[in-house]
Amino acid sequence: MFRRREPVPFAFVAEADRFRSNVAPPPPEKSSAAEIAGRWLLGVTIIAALVGSLVLGMPALTIDHSSTSTQESQASQGH
């Protein structure tokens, strides 16, 4: 492997404080009523979608013991 033998100058890291600006960033813009309502509506929509997927998905996750017992009893009656 090839390695560089010269030292790497890290003086620029130590001198970084000298180059910092004293200008403050602009204040954040105040959200309008439409932006606040839009964020609120988006949050409600996402929560409603999660709740709806749970409501619609719960019947598929439940185990129905009555349907399996009737299928077994019908199969045993046929023999």
PDB file of N, CA and C in Angstrom:
ATOM      1  N   MET A   1       0.824  -1.186   0.000  1.00  0.00           N
ATOM      2  CA  MET A   1       0.000   0.000   0.000  1.00  0.00           C
ATOM      3  C   MET A   1       0.866   1.246   0.000  1.00  0.00           C
ATOM      4  N   PHE A   2       0.398   2.239  -0.677  1.00  0.00           N
ATOM      5  CA  PHE A   2       1.112   3.509  -0.760  1.00  0.00           C
ATOM      6  C   PHE A   2       0.639   4.430   0.351  1.00  0.00           C
ATOM      7  N   ARG A   3       1.557   4.958   1.126  1.00  0.00           N
ATOM      8  CA  ARG A   3       1.215   5.888   2.196  1.00  0.00           C
ATOM      9  C   ARG A   3       1.938   7.201   1.970  1.00  0.00           C
ATOM     10  N   ARG A   4       1.241   8.275   2.307  1.00  0.00           N
ATOM     11  CA  ARG A   4       1.887   9.584   2.208  1.00  0.00           C
ATOM     12  C   ARG A   4       2.763   9.798   3.428  1.00  0.00           C
ATOM     13  N   ARG A   5       3.920  10.345   3.205  1.00  0.00           N
ATOM     14  CA  ARG A   5       4.860  10.571   4.302  1.00  0.00           C
ATOM     15  C   ARG A   5       4.787  11.989   4.863  1.00  0.00           C
ATOM     16  N   GLU A   6       4.230  12.933   4.105  1.00  0.00           N
ATOM     17  CA  GLU A   6       4.211  14.310   4.601  1.00  0.00           C
ATOM     18  C   GLU A   6       3.089  14.471   5.631  1.00  0.00           C
ATOM     19  N   PRO A   7       3.284  15.330   6.604  1.00  0.00           N
ATOM     20  CA  PRO A   7       2.250  15.552   7.621  1.00  0.00           C
ATOM     21  C   PRO A   7       1.042  16.278   7.020  1.00  0.00           C
ATOM     22  N   VAL A   8      -0.109  15.952   7.554  1.00  0.00           N
ATOM     23  CA  VAL A   8      -1.332  16.593   7.080  1.00  0.00           C
ATOM     24  C   VAL A   8      -1.579  17.829   7.933  1.00  0.00           C
ATOM     25  N   PRO A   9      -1.709  18.989   7.322  1.00  0.00           N
ATOM     26  CA  PRO A   9      -1.892  20.215   8.124  1.00  0.00           C
ATOM     27  C   PRO A   9      -3.330  20.336   8.639  1.00  0.00           C
ATOM     28  N   PHE A  10      -3.464  20.338   9.956  1.00  0.00           N
ATOM     29  CA  PHE A  10      -4.780  20.509  10.569  1.00  0.00           C
ATOM     30  C   PHE A  10      -4.915  21.882  11.206  1.00  0.00           C
ATOM     31  N   ALA A  11      -4.090  22.801  10.798  1.00  0.00           N
ATOM     32  CA  ALA A  11      -4.150  24.141  11.375  1.00  0.00           C
ATOM     33  C   ALA A  11      -5.447  24.844  11.000  1.00  0.00           C
ATOM     34  N   PHE A  12      -6.017  24.509   9.828  1.00  0.00           N
ATOM     35  CA  PHE A  12      -7.261  25.162   9.420  1.00  0.00           C
ATOM     36  C   PHE A  12      -8.408  24.824  10.360  1.00  0.00           C
ATOM     37  N   VAL A  13      -8.355  23.679  11.011  1.00  0.00           N
ATOM     38  CA  VAL A  13      -9.400  23.309  11.964  1.00  0.00           C
ATOM     39  C   VAL A  13      -9.294  24.188  13.207  1.00  0.00           C
ATOM     40  N   ALA A  14      -8.071  24.437  13.648  1.00  0.00           N
ATOM     41  CA  ALA A  14      -7.870  25.261  14.839  1.00  0.00           C
ATOM     42  C   ALA A  14      -8.218  26.715  14.567  1.00  0.00           C
ATOM     43  N   GLU A  15      -8.045  27.162  13.329  1.00  0.00           N
ATOM     44  CA  GLU A  15      -8.315  28.546  12.987  1.00  0.00           C
ATOM     45  C   GLU A  15      -9.742  28.775  12.505  1.00  0.00           C
ATOM     46  N   ALA A  16     -10.597  27.785  12.617  1.00  0.00           N
ATOM     47  CA  ALA A  16     -11.955  27.909  12.093  1.00  0.00           C
ATOM     48  C   ALA A  16     -12.766  28.953  12.856  1.00  0.00           C
ATOM     49  N   ASP A  17     -12.445  29.175  14.122  1.00  0.00           N
ATOM     50  CA  ASP A  17     -13.193  30.162  14.906  1.00  0.00           C
ATOM     51  C   ASP A  17     -13.002  31.578  14.369  1.00  0.00           C
ATOM     52  N   ARG A  18     -11.878  31.836  13.764  1.00  0.00           N
ATOM     53  CA  ARG A  18     -11.636  33.175  13.229  1.00  0.00           C
ATOM     54  C   ARG A  18     -12.556  33.498  12.059  1.00  0.00           C
ATOM     55  N   PHE A  19     -13.024  32.491  11.350  1.00  0.00           N
ATOM     56  CA  PHE A  19     -13.794  32.718  10.133  1.00  0.00           C
ATOM     57  C   PHE A  19     -15.304  32.651  10.360  1.00  0.00           C
ATOM     58  N   ARG A  20     -15.717  32.483  11.597  1.00  0.00           N
ATOM     59  CA  ARG A  20     -17.154  32.455  11.877  1.00  0.00           C
ATOM     60  C   ARG A  20     -17.728  33.849  11.712  1.00  0.00           C
ATOM     61  N   SER A  21     -18.923  33.893  11.182  1.00  0.00           N
ATOM     62  CA  SER A  21     -19.560  35.178  10.941  1.00  0.00           C
ATOM     63  C   SER A  21     -20.299  35.632  12.188  1.00  0.00           C
ATOM     64  N   ASN A  22     -20.372  36.942  12.369  1.00  0.00           N
ATOM     65  CA  ASN A  22     -21.114  37.479  13.503  1.00  0.00           C
ATOM     66  C   ASN A  22     -22.519  37.921  13.086  1.00  0.00           C
ATOM     67  N   VAL A  23     -22.946  37.532  11.891  1.00  0.00           N
ATOM     68  CA  VAL A  23     -24.273  37.884  11.394  1.00  0.00           C
ATOM     69  C   VAL A  23     -25.258  36.817  11.858  1.00  0.00           C
ATOM     70  N   ALA A  24     -26.305  37.232  12.508  1.00  0.00           N
ATOM     71  CA  ALA A  24     -27.308  36.289  13.009  1.00  0.00           C
ATOM     72  C   ALA A  24     -28.196  35.818  11.856  1.00  0.00           C
ATOM     73  N   PRO A  25     -28.634  34.567  11.890  1.00  0.00           N
ATOM     74  CA  PRO A  25     -29.535  34.092  10.845  1.00  0.00           C
ATOM     75  C   PRO A  25     -30.884  34.790  10.953  1.00  0.00           C
ATOM     76  N   PRO A  26     -31.602  34.867   9.858  1.00  0.00           N
ATOM     77  CA  PRO A  26     -32.904  35.538   9.917  1.00  0.00           C
ATOM     78  C   PRO A  26     -33.876  34.753  10.789  1.00  0.00           C
ATOM     79  N   PRO A  27     -34.804  35.430  11.434  1.00  0.00           N
ATOM     80  CA  PRO A  27     -35.770  34.721  12.281  1.00  0.00           C
ATOM     81  C   PRO A  27     -36.686  33.850  11.415  1.00  0.00           C
ATOM     82  N   PRO A  28     -37.154  32.729  11.950  1.00  0.00           N
ATOM     83  CA  PRO A  28     -38.047  31.877  11.171  1.00  0.00           C
ATOM     84  C   PRO A  28     -39.365  32.585  10.859  1.00  0.00           C
ATOM     85  N   GLU A  29     -39.873  32.309   9.678  1.00  0.00           N
ATOM     86  CA  GLU A  29     -41.130  32.947   9.285  1.00  0.00           C
ATOM     87  C   GLU A  29     -42.287  32.367  10.090  1.00  0.00           C
ATOM     88  N   LYS A  30     -43.244  33.226  10.432  1.00  0.00           N
ATOM     89  CA  LYS A  30     -44.402  32.778  11.191  1.00  0.00           C
ATOM     90  C   LYS A  30     -45.351  32.031  10.248  1.00  0.00           C
ATOM     91  N   SER A  31     -45.830  30.884  10.713  1.00  0.00           N
ATOM     92  CA  SER A  31     -46.736  30.086   9.891  1.00  0.00           C
ATOM     93  C   SER A  31     -48.082  30.770   9.765  1.00  0.00           C
ATOM     94  N   SER A  32     -48.636  30.711   8.577  1.00  0.00           N
ATOM     95  CA  SER A  32     -49.952  31.300   8.366  1.00  0.00           C
ATOM     96  C   SER A  32     -51.036  30.340   8.860  1.00  0.00           C
ATOM     97  N   ALA A  33     -52.253  30.831   8.933  1.00  0.00           N
ATOM     98  CA  ALA A  33     -53.367  30.000   9.397  1.00  0.00           C
ATOM     99  C   ALA A  33     -53.599  28.835   8.437  1.00  0.00           C
ATOM    100  N   ALA A  34     -53.396  29.057   7.145  1.00  0.00           N
ATOM    101  CA  ALA A  34     -53.598  27.984   6.172  1.00  0.00           C
ATOM    102  C   ALA A  34     -52.555  26.881   6.346  1.00  0.00           C
ATOM    103  N   GLU A  35     -51.304  27.268   6.641  1.00  0.00           N
ATOM    104  CA  GLU A  35     -50.268  26.260   6.863  1.00  0.00           C
ATOM    105  C   GLU A  35     -50.538  25.448   8.121  1.00  0.00           C
ATOM    106  N   ILE A  36     -50.977  26.111   9.181  1.00  0.00           N
ATOM    107  CA  ILE A  36     -51.293  25.404  10.420  1.00  0.00           C
ATOM    108  C   ILE A  36     -52.466  24.452  10.196  1.00  0.00           C
ATOM    109  N   ALA A  37     -53.499  24.911   9.492  1.00  0.00           N
ATOM    110  CA  ALA A  37     -54.652  24.058   9.215  1.00  0.00           C
ATOM    111  C   ALA A  37     -54.254  22.892   8.325  1.00  0.00           C
ATOM    112  N   GLY A  38     -53.363  23.128   7.374  1.00  0.00           N
ATOM    113  CA  GLY A  38     -52.906  22.049   6.504  1.00  0.00           C
ATOM    114  C   GLY A  38     -52.130  20.987   7.259  1.00  0.00           C
ATOM    115  N   ARG A  39     -51.262  21.414   8.171  1.00  0.00           N
ATOM    116  CA  ARG A  39     -50.516  20.446   8.984  1.00  0.00           C
ATOM    117  C   ARG A  39     -51.450  19.652   9.882  1.00  0.00           C
ATOM    118  N   TRP A  40     -52.429  20.343  10.470  1.00  0.00           N
ATOM    119  CA  TRP A  40     -53.390  19.671  11.343  1.00  0.00           C
ATOM    120  C   TRP A  40     -54.209  18.653  10.552  1.00  0.00           C
ATOM    121  N   LEU A  41     -54.645  19.045   9.361  1.00  0.00           N
ATOM    122  CA  LEU A  41     -55.427  18.140   8.523  1.00  0.00           C
ATOM    123  C   LEU A  41     -54.602  16.936   8.080  1.00  0.00           C
ATOM    124  N   LEU A  42     -53.349  17.151   7.771  1.00  0.00           N
ATOM    125  CA  LEU A  42     -52.476  16.040   7.393  1.00  0.00           C
ATOM    126  C   LEU A  42     -52.297  15.076   8.559  1.00  0.00           C
ATOM    127  N   GLY A  43     -52.104  15.594   9.765  1.00  0.00           N
ATOM    128  CA  GLY A  43     -51.967  14.737  10.938  1.00  0.00           C
ATOM    129  C   GLY A  43     -53.218  13.932  11.216  1.00  0.00           C
ATOM    130  N   VAL A  44     -54.377  14.579  11.106  1.00  0.00           N
ATOM    131  CA  VAL A  44     -55.641  13.871  11.334  1.00  0.00           C
ATOM    132  C   VAL A  44     -55.847  12.791  10.264  1.00  0.00           C
ATOM    133  N   THR A  45     -55.476  13.095   9.023  1.00  0.00           N
ATOM    134  CA  THR A  45     -55.623  12.119   7.939  1.00  0.00           C
ATOM    135  C   THR A  45     -54.743  10.898   8.174  1.00  0.00           C
ATOM    136  N   ILE A  46     -53.507  11.116   8.613  1.00  0.00           N
ATOM    137  CA  ILE A  46     -52.599   9.993   8.868  1.00  0.00           C
ATOM    138  C   ILE A  46     -53.105   9.149  10.032  1.00  0.00           C
ATOM    139  N   ILE A  47     -53.574   9.789  11.090  1.00  0.00           N
ATOM    140  CA  ILE A  47     -54.100   9.040  12.234  1.00  0.00           C
ATOM    141  C   ILE A  47     -55.351   8.269  11.834  1.00  0.00           C
ATOM    142  N   ALA A  48     -56.234   8.892  11.040  1.00  0.00           N
ATOM    143  CA  ALA A  48     -57.445   8.202  10.595  1.00  0.00           C
ATOM    144  C   ALA A  48     -57.100   7.015   9.707  1.00  0.00           C
ATOM    145  N   ALA A  49     -56.069   7.141   8.884  1.00  0.00           N
ATOM    146  CA  ALA A  49     -55.660   6.022   8.030  1.00  0.00           C
ATOM    147  C   ALA A  49     -55.124   4.866   8.868  1.00  0.00           C
ATOM    148  N   LEU A  50     -54.355   5.165   9.903  1.00  0.00           N
ATOM    149  CA  LEU A  50     -53.841   4.100  10.773  1.00  0.00           C
ATOM    150  C   LEU A  50     -54.969   3.412  11.532  1.00  0.00           C
ATOM    151  N   VAL A  51     -55.897   4.195  12.056  1.00  0.00           N
ATOM    152  CA  VAL A  51     -57.026   3.606  12.779  1.00  0.00           C
ATOM    153  C   VAL A  51     -57.898   2.792  11.829  1.00  0.00           C
ATOM    154  N   GLY A  52     -58.122   3.311  10.623  1.00  0.00           N
ATOM    155  CA  GLY A  52     -58.927   2.575   9.655  1.00  0.00           C
ATOM    156  C   GLY A  52     -58.279   1.278   9.224  1.00  0.00           C
ATOM    157  N   SER A  53     -56.969   1.277   9.071  1.00  0.00           N
ATOM    158  CA  SER A  53     -56.305   0.031   8.697  1.00  0.00           C
ATOM    159  C   SER A  53     -56.385  -0.996   9.823  1.00  0.00           C
ATOM    160  N   LEU A  54     -56.347  -0.523  11.073  1.00  0.00           N
ATOM    161  CA  LEU A  54     -56.513  -1.448  12.192  1.00  0.00           C
ATOM    162  C   LEU A  54     -57.929  -2.013  12.234  1.00  0.00           C
ATOM    163  N   VAL A  55     -58.924  -1.149  12.018  1.00  0.00           N
ATOM    164  CA  VAL A  55     -60.321  -1.600  12.064  1.00  0.00           C
ATOM    165  C   VAL A  55     -60.597  -2.599  10.950  1.00  0.00           C
ATOM    166  N   LEU A  56     -60.082  -2.310   9.763  1.00  0.00           N
ATOM    167  CA  LEU A  56     -60.324  -3.219   8.644  1.00  0.00           C
ATOM    168  C   LEU A  56     -59.455  -4.468   8.706  1.00  0.00           C
ATOM    169  N   GLY A  57     -58.307  -4.379   9.349  1.00  0.00           N
ATOM    170  CA  GLY A  57     -57.404  -5.518   9.399  1.00  0.00           C
ATOM    171  C   GLY A  57     -57.647  -6.461  10.552  1.00  0.00           C
ATOM    172  N   MET A  58     -58.325  -6.024  11.591  1.00  0.00           N
ATOM    173  CA  MET A  58     -58.539  -6.886  12.757  1.00  0.00           C
ATOM    174  C   MET A  58     -59.344  -8.146  12.442  1.00  0.00           C
ATOM    175  N   PRO A  59     -60.391  -8.104  11.624  1.00  0.00           N
ATOM    176  CA  PRO A  59     -61.090  -9.360  11.328  1.00  0.00           C
ATOM    177  C   PRO A  59     -60.203 -10.382  10.625  1.00  0.00           C
ATOM    178  N   ALA A  60     -59.264  -9.938   9.842  1.00  0.00           N
ATOM    179  CA  ALA A  60     -58.368 -10.868   9.158  1.00  0.00           C
ATOM    180  C   ALA A  60     -57.363 -11.481  10.120  1.00  0.00           C
ATOM    181  N   LEU A  61     -57.101 -10.832  11.238  1.00  0.00           N
ATOM    182  CA  LEU A  61     -56.130 -11.339  12.195  1.00  0.00           C
ATOM    183  C   LEU A  61     -56.752 -12.243  13.249  1.00  0.00           C
ATOM    184  N   THR A  62     -58.068 -12.233  13.383  1.00  0.00           N
ATOM    185  CA  THR A  62     -58.710 -13.069  14.388  1.00  0.00           C
ATOM    186  C   THR A  62     -58.844 -14.499  13.868  1.00  0.00           C
ATOM    187  N   ILE A  63     -58.786 -15.435  14.797  1.00  0.00           N
ATOM    188  CA  ILE A  63     -58.932 -16.848  14.458  1.00  0.00           C
ATOM    189  C   ILE A  63     -60.379 -17.239  14.729  1.00  0.00           C
ATOM    190  N   ASP A  64     -61.045 -17.703  13.703  1.00  0.00           N
ATOM    191  CA  ASP A  64     -62.446 -18.094  13.826  1.00  0.00           C
ATOM    192  C   ASP A  64     -62.502 -19.603  14.040  1.00  0.00           C
ATOM    193  N   HIS A  65     -62.761 -20.047  15.278  1.00  0.00           N
ATOM    194  CA  HIS A  65     -62.776 -21.470  15.598  1.00  0.00           C
ATOM    195  C   HIS A  65     -64.049 -22.152  15.109  1.00  0.00           C
ATOM    196  N   SER A  66     -65.136 -21.409  14.941  1.00  0.00           N
ATOM    197  CA  SER A  66     -66.397 -22.029  14.554  1.00  0.00           C
ATOM    198  C   SER A  66     -66.347 -22.535  13.109  1.00  0.00           C
ATOM    199  N   SER A  67     -65.681 -21.835  12.209  1.00  0.00           N
ATOM    200  CA  SER A  67     -65.658 -22.275  10.813  1.00  0.00           C
ATOM    201  C   SER A  67     -64.791 -23.514  10.637  1.00  0.00           C
ATOM    202  N   THR A  68     -63.710 -23.660  11.407  1.00  0.00           N
ATOM    203  CA  THR A  68     -62.864 -24.843  11.271  1.00  0.00           C
ATOM    204  C   THR A  68     -63.557 -26.071  11.842  1.00  0.00           C
ATOM    205  N   SER A  69     -64.337 -25.907  12.908  1.00  0.00           N
ATOM    206  CA  SER A  69     -65.014 -27.069  13.493  1.00  0.00           C
ATOM    207  C   SER A  69     -66.145 -27.549  12.593  1.00  0.00           C
ATOM    208  N   THR A  70     -66.852 -26.663  11.901  1.00  0.00           N
ATOM    209  CA  THR A  70     -67.924 -27.102  11.014  1.00  0.00           C
ATOM    210  C   THR A  70     -67.355 -27.804   9.792  1.00  0.00           C
ATOM    211  N   GLN A  71     -66.197 -27.375   9.313  1.00  0.00           N
ATOM    212  CA  GLN A  71     -65.598 -28.051   8.162  1.00  0.00           C
ATOM    213  C   GLN A  71     -65.158 -29.452   8.553  1.00  0.00           C
ATOM    214  N   GLU A  72     -64.618 -29.602   9.746  1.00  0.00           N
ATOM    215  CA  GLU A  72     -64.192 -30.935  10.189  1.00  0.00           C
ATOM    216  C   GLU A  72     -65.394 -31.850  10.410  1.00  0.00           C
ATOM    217  N   SER A  73     -66.481 -31.305  10.959  1.00  0.00           N
ATOM    218  CA  SER A  73     -67.643 -32.141  11.213  1.00  0.00           C
ATOM    219  C   SER A  73     -68.308 -32.568   9.907  1.00  0.00           C
ATOM    220  N   GLN A  74     -68.313 -31.677   8.909  1.00  0.00           N
ATOM    221  CA  GLN A  74     -68.884 -32.057   7.621  1.00  0.00           C
ATOM    222  C   GLN A  74     -68.041 -33.106   6.935  1.00  0.00           C
ATOM    223  N   ALA A  75     -66.723 -33.031   7.096  1.00  0.00           N
ATOM    224  CA  ALA A  75     -65.847 -34.033   6.482  1.00  0.00           C
ATOM    225  C   ALA A  75     -66.010 -35.385   7.164  1.00  0.00           C
ATOM    226  N   SER A  76     -66.218 -35.364   8.487  1.00  0.00           N
ATOM    227  CA  SER A  76     -66.360 -36.631   9.192  1.00  0.00           C
ATOM    228  C   SER A  76     -67.736 -37.261   8.893  1.00  0.00           C
ATOM    229  N   GLN A  77     -68.753 -36.468   8.588  1.00  0.00           N
ATOM    230  CA  GLN A  77     -70.065 -37.003   8.275  1.00  0.00           C
ATOM    231  C   GLN A  77     -70.085 -37.662   6.904  1.00  0.00           C
ATOM    232  N   GLY A  78     -69.271 -37.193   6.010  1.00  0.00           N
ATOM    233  CA  GLY A  78     -69.244 -37.715   4.659  1.00  0.00           C
ATOM    234  C   GLY A  78     -68.672 -39.123   4.614  1.00  0.00           C
ATOM    235  N   HIS A  79     -67.903 -39.532   5.565  1.00  0.00           N
ATOM    236  CA  HIS A  79     -67.287 -40.871   5.539  1.00  0.00           C
ATOM    237  C   HIS A  79     -68.098 -41.852   6.250  1.00  0.00           C
TER     238      HIS A  79
END
